[in-house]
């Protein structure tokens, strides 16, 4: 039980993945962003399988700061895309501009795979909690699937909440304001990732 409690408490807290899900919902792209949610879940499943069966043998904790660097830069790129996107309401509330591409499977897969927050879920569970709970063999895959489903559901729930809130908004300026706000939020997340890398370099 503590495995799922720990995983969900980290995955459902605000972060770059959930912020992007929220923004997709606010701008009327909830249904068009399903691939993004699936990509997030697949990334979580892949990470749990890899580390569940190899522990820290494949990637040690010393590599995490460099993942933070790559993840921070990618999140910064996505922050720019969100910040500069425009919303047009063609006579229909909560419709995104046709020129704005929805988040894709690979957007979700990459940002989750490079997200240090995701690794904060994976490493403690696979290296400490799995052995303590005697989760081995096929049980690792079963538990990984369950956690991955929760991982995909986190941005999905944020997006759904954004969609519900978005239906109450009828002016394009509000949507564009939310885009900029979410873009800044992603930039802040990226700054924390890059700060982790900087601290590691200074300490090294």
Protein backbone atom coordinates (compact mmCIF):
# COMPACT_ATOMS: atom_id res chain seq x y z
CA UNK A 1 0.00 0.00 0.00
CA UNK A 2 2.81 2.42 0.84
CA UNK A 3 4.17 1.92 -2.69
CA UNK A 4 0.98 3.25 -4.30
CA UNK A 5 0.53 5.99 -1.69
CA UNK A 6 4.05 7.27 -2.34
CA UNK A 7 3.73 7.02 -6.12
CA UNK A 8 0.38 8.79 -6.35
CA UNK A 9 1.35 11.54 -3.89
CA UNK A 10 4.32 12.45 -6.09
CA UNK A 11 2.65 11.94 -9.48
CA UNK A 12 -0.48 13.94 -8.65
CA UNK A 13 1.34 16.96 -7.25
CA UNK A 14 1.88 19.93 -9.61
CA UNK A 15 4.70 19.43 -12.11
CA UNK A 16 5.49 19.99 -15.80
CA UNK A 17 3.40 17.02 -17.00
CA UNK A 18 0.34 17.97 -14.97
CA UNK A 19 0.67 21.66 -15.85
CA UNK A 20 0.63 20.76 -19.54
CA UNK A 21 -2.43 18.56 -19.00
CA UNK A 22 -4.22 21.40 -17.22
CA UNK A 23 -3.41 23.81 -20.03
CA UNK A 24 -4.69 21.36 -22.66
CA UNK A 25 -7.99 21.14 -20.81
CA UNK A 26 -8.29 24.90 -20.42
CA UNK A 27 -7.79 25.41 -24.15
CA UNK A 28 -10.34 22.80 -25.20
CA UNK A 29 -7.92 20.06 -26.25
CA UNK A 30 -8.83 17.45 -23.62
CA UNK A 31 -9.94 14.80 -26.14
CA UNK A 32 -7.18 15.63 -28.62
CA UNK A 33 -4.56 15.12 -25.90
CA UNK A 34 -5.34 11.50 -25.02
CA UNK A 35 -2.16 10.39 -26.80
CA UNK A 36 -0.18 12.64 -24.46
CA UNK A 37 -1.65 10.88 -21.41
CA UNK A 38 -0.88 7.47 -22.92
CA UNK A 39 2.70 8.57 -23.62
CA UNK A 40 3.13 9.60 -19.98
CA UNK A 41 1.83 6.22 -18.81
CA UNK A 42 4.03 4.30 -21.24
CA UNK A 43 7.11 6.21 -20.09
CA UNK A 44 6.33 5.39 -16.47
CA UNK A 45 5.76 1.72 -17.34
CA UNK A 46 9.05 1.54 -19.26
CA UNK A 47 11.00 3.16 -16.42
CA UNK A 48 9.50 0.83 -13.83
CA UNK A 49 10.26 -2.23 -15.92
CA UNK A 50 13.84 -1.14 -16.57
CA UNK A 51 14.67 -0.20 -12.98
CA UNK A 52 12.42 -2.83 -11.43
CA UNK A 53 14.48 -5.60 -12.99
CA UNK A 54 17.90 -3.94 -12.98
CA UNK A 55 17.79 -1.73 -9.89
CA UNK A 56 20.44 0.97 -10.14
CA UNK A 57 22.76 -1.17 -12.27
CA UNK A 58 21.75 0.59 -15.50
CA UNK A 59 21.68 4.22 -14.41
CA UNK A 60 23.11 5.35 -11.09
CA UNK A 61 21.89 8.32 -9.09
CA UNK A 62 24.91 10.28 -10.31
CA UNK A 63 23.29 10.44 -13.76
CA UNK A 64 20.10 12.07 -12.46
CA UNK A 65 21.48 15.65 -12.56
CA UNK A 66 22.23 15.24 -16.28
CA UNK A 67 18.72 13.95 -16.83
CA UNK A 68 17.59 17.10 -15.00
CA UNK A 69 19.61 19.18 -17.49
CA UNK A 70 18.05 17.53 -20.56
CA UNK A 71 14.60 17.49 -18.99
CA UNK A 72 14.90 21.14 -17.97
CA UNK A 73 15.87 22.22 -21.48
CA UNK A 74 13.02 20.21 -23.03
CA UNK A 75 10.54 21.62 -20.51
CA UNK A 76 11.82 25.13 -21.28
CA UNK A 77 11.13 24.49 -24.99
CA UNK A 78 7.60 23.33 -24.19
CA UNK A 79 7.11 26.37 -21.95
CA UNK A 80 7.96 28.62 -24.90
CA UNK A 81 5.51 26.75 -27.15
CA UNK A 82 2.70 27.05 -24.60
CA UNK A 83 3.47 30.70 -23.79
CA UNK A 84 3.41 31.79 -27.44
CA UNK A 85 0.38 29.73 -28.56
CA UNK A 86 -2.84 31.60 -29.39
CA UNK A 87 -6.44 30.57 -28.83
CA UNK A 88 -9.22 31.48 -31.25
CA UNK A 89 -12.88 30.88 -30.46
CA UNK A 90 -14.65 30.46 -33.82
CA UNK A 91 -18.16 30.90 -32.46
CA UNK A 92 -17.66 27.96 -30.12
CA UNK A 93 -16.57 28.20 -26.52
CA UNK A 94 -13.34 26.55 -25.49
CA UNK A 95 -12.02 25.77 -28.99
CA UNK A 96 -8.32 25.96 -29.64
CA UNK A 97 -6.89 27.51 -32.75
CA UNK A 98 -6.54 24.96 -35.58
CA UNK A 99 -2.93 26.08 -35.95
CA UNK A 100 -2.15 24.91 -32.42
CA UNK A 101 -1.01 21.30 -32.49
CA UNK A 102 -2.29 19.13 -29.63
CA UNK A 103 0.15 17.40 -27.33
CA UNK A 104 1.23 14.07 -28.78
CA UNK A 105 2.18 10.64 -27.47
CA UNK A 106 5.87 11.43 -27.91
CA UNK A 107 5.52 14.77 -26.09
CA UNK A 108 4.15 12.86 -23.11
CA UNK A 109 6.66 10.02 -23.35
CA UNK A 110 9.70 12.30 -23.60
CA UNK A 111 8.75 14.82 -20.94
CA UNK A 112 7.93 12.04 -18.47
CA UNK A 113 11.03 10.00 -19.31
CA UNK A 114 13.21 13.10 -18.82
CA UNK A 115 11.30 14.39 -15.80
CA UNK A 116 13.37 14.10 -12.58
CA UNK A 117 10.07 14.03 -10.70
CA UNK A 118 9.28 10.77 -12.48
CA UNK A 119 12.63 9.36 -11.37
CA UNK A 120 11.80 10.42 -7.81
CA UNK A 121 8.91 7.97 -8.08
CA UNK A 122 10.79 5.17 -9.83
CA UNK A 123 14.11 4.85 -8.00
CA UNK A 124 12.92 4.74 -4.37
CA UNK A 125 10.16 2.27 -5.25
CA UNK A 126 12.26 -0.07 -7.38
CA UNK A 127 15.42 -0.03 -5.24
CA UNK A 128 13.92 0.14 -1.73
CA UNK A 129 10.17 -0.50 -1.62
CA UNK A 130 9.99 -3.40 -4.09
CA UNK A 131 12.59 -5.50 -2.23
CA UNK A 132 11.05 -4.60 1.15
CA UNK A 133 7.58 -5.68 -0.04
CA UNK A 134 9.03 -8.78 -1.75
CA UNK A 135 7.82 -7.61 -5.15
CA UNK A 136 9.75 -9.78 -7.59
CA UNK A 137 9.37 -11.58 -10.92
CA UNK A 138 6.06 -11.05 -12.71
CA UNK A 139 4.77 -9.02 -9.75
CA UNK A 140 7.12 -6.19 -10.80
CA UNK A 141 5.37 -5.96 -14.17
CA UNK A 142 1.90 -6.10 -12.59
CA UNK A 143 2.64 -3.36 -10.05
CA UNK A 144 4.37 -1.31 -12.76
CA UNK A 145 1.25 -1.42 -14.93
CA UNK A 146 -0.92 -0.23 -12.04
CA UNK A 147 1.40 2.67 -11.23
CA UNK A 148 1.72 3.55 -14.93
CA UNK A 149 -2.07 3.77 -15.21
CA UNK A 150 -2.02 6.17 -12.29
CA UNK A 151 0.76 8.13 -14.00
CA UNK A 152 -1.32 8.52 -17.16
CA UNK A 153 -4.35 9.48 -15.08
CA UNK A 154 -2.62 12.37 -13.32
CA UNK A 155 -2.35 14.74 -16.33
CA UNK A 156 -5.70 13.36 -17.52
CA UNK A 157 -7.43 14.50 -14.33
CA UNK A 158 -5.69 17.87 -14.46
CA UNK A 159 -6.80 18.22 -18.07
CA UNK A 160 -10.38 17.27 -17.22
CA UNK A 161 -10.49 19.85 -14.45
CA UNK A 162 -9.12 22.41 -16.90
CA UNK A 163 -11.83 21.47 -19.41
CA UNK A 164 -14.56 21.92 -16.79
CA UNK A 165 -13.16 25.32 -15.83
CA UNK A 166 -12.64 26.26 -19.49
CA UNK A 167 -16.33 25.80 -20.29
CA UNK A 168 -17.09 28.70 -18.00
CA UNK A 169 -14.78 31.02 -19.90
CA UNK A 170 -15.97 32.71 -23.08
CA UNK A 171 -13.29 35.27 -23.95
CA UNK A 172 -10.17 34.50 -25.97
CA UNK A 173 -8.12 36.89 -23.84
CA UNK A 174 -8.70 34.69 -20.79
CA UNK A 175 -7.46 31.59 -22.60
CA UNK A 176 -4.39 33.42 -23.88
CA UNK A 177 -3.73 34.66 -20.34
CA UNK A 178 -3.94 31.07 -19.07
CA UNK A 179 -1.53 29.97 -21.82
CA UNK A 180 0.99 32.55 -20.67
CA UNK A 181 0.44 31.62 -17.03
CA UNK A 182 0.95 27.93 -17.77
CA UNK A 183 4.01 28.77 -19.87
CA UNK A 184 5.51 30.63 -16.92
CA UNK A 185 4.64 27.67 -14.68
CA UNK A 186 6.50 25.31 -17.00
CA UNK A 187 9.45 27.70 -17.12
CA UNK A 188 9.57 27.64 -13.31
CA UNK A 189 9.58 23.82 -13.37
CA UNK A 190 12.41 23.94 -15.91
CA UNK A 191 14.31 26.37 -13.69
CA UNK A 192 14.14 23.93 -10.77
CA UNK A 193 15.46 21.12 -12.98
CA UNK A 194 18.32 23.28 -14.24
CA UNK A 195 19.04 24.42 -10.68
CA UNK A 196 19.43 20.78 -9.61
CA UNK A 197 22.01 20.33 -12.38
CA UNK A 198 23.81 23.54 -11.38
CA UNK A 199 24.01 22.48 -7.72
CA UNK A 200 25.47 19.12 -8.79
CA UNK A 201 28.10 20.77 -10.99
CA UNK A 202 29.07 23.22 -8.24
CA UNK A 203 29.25 20.42 -5.71
CA UNK A 204 31.28 18.28 -8.10
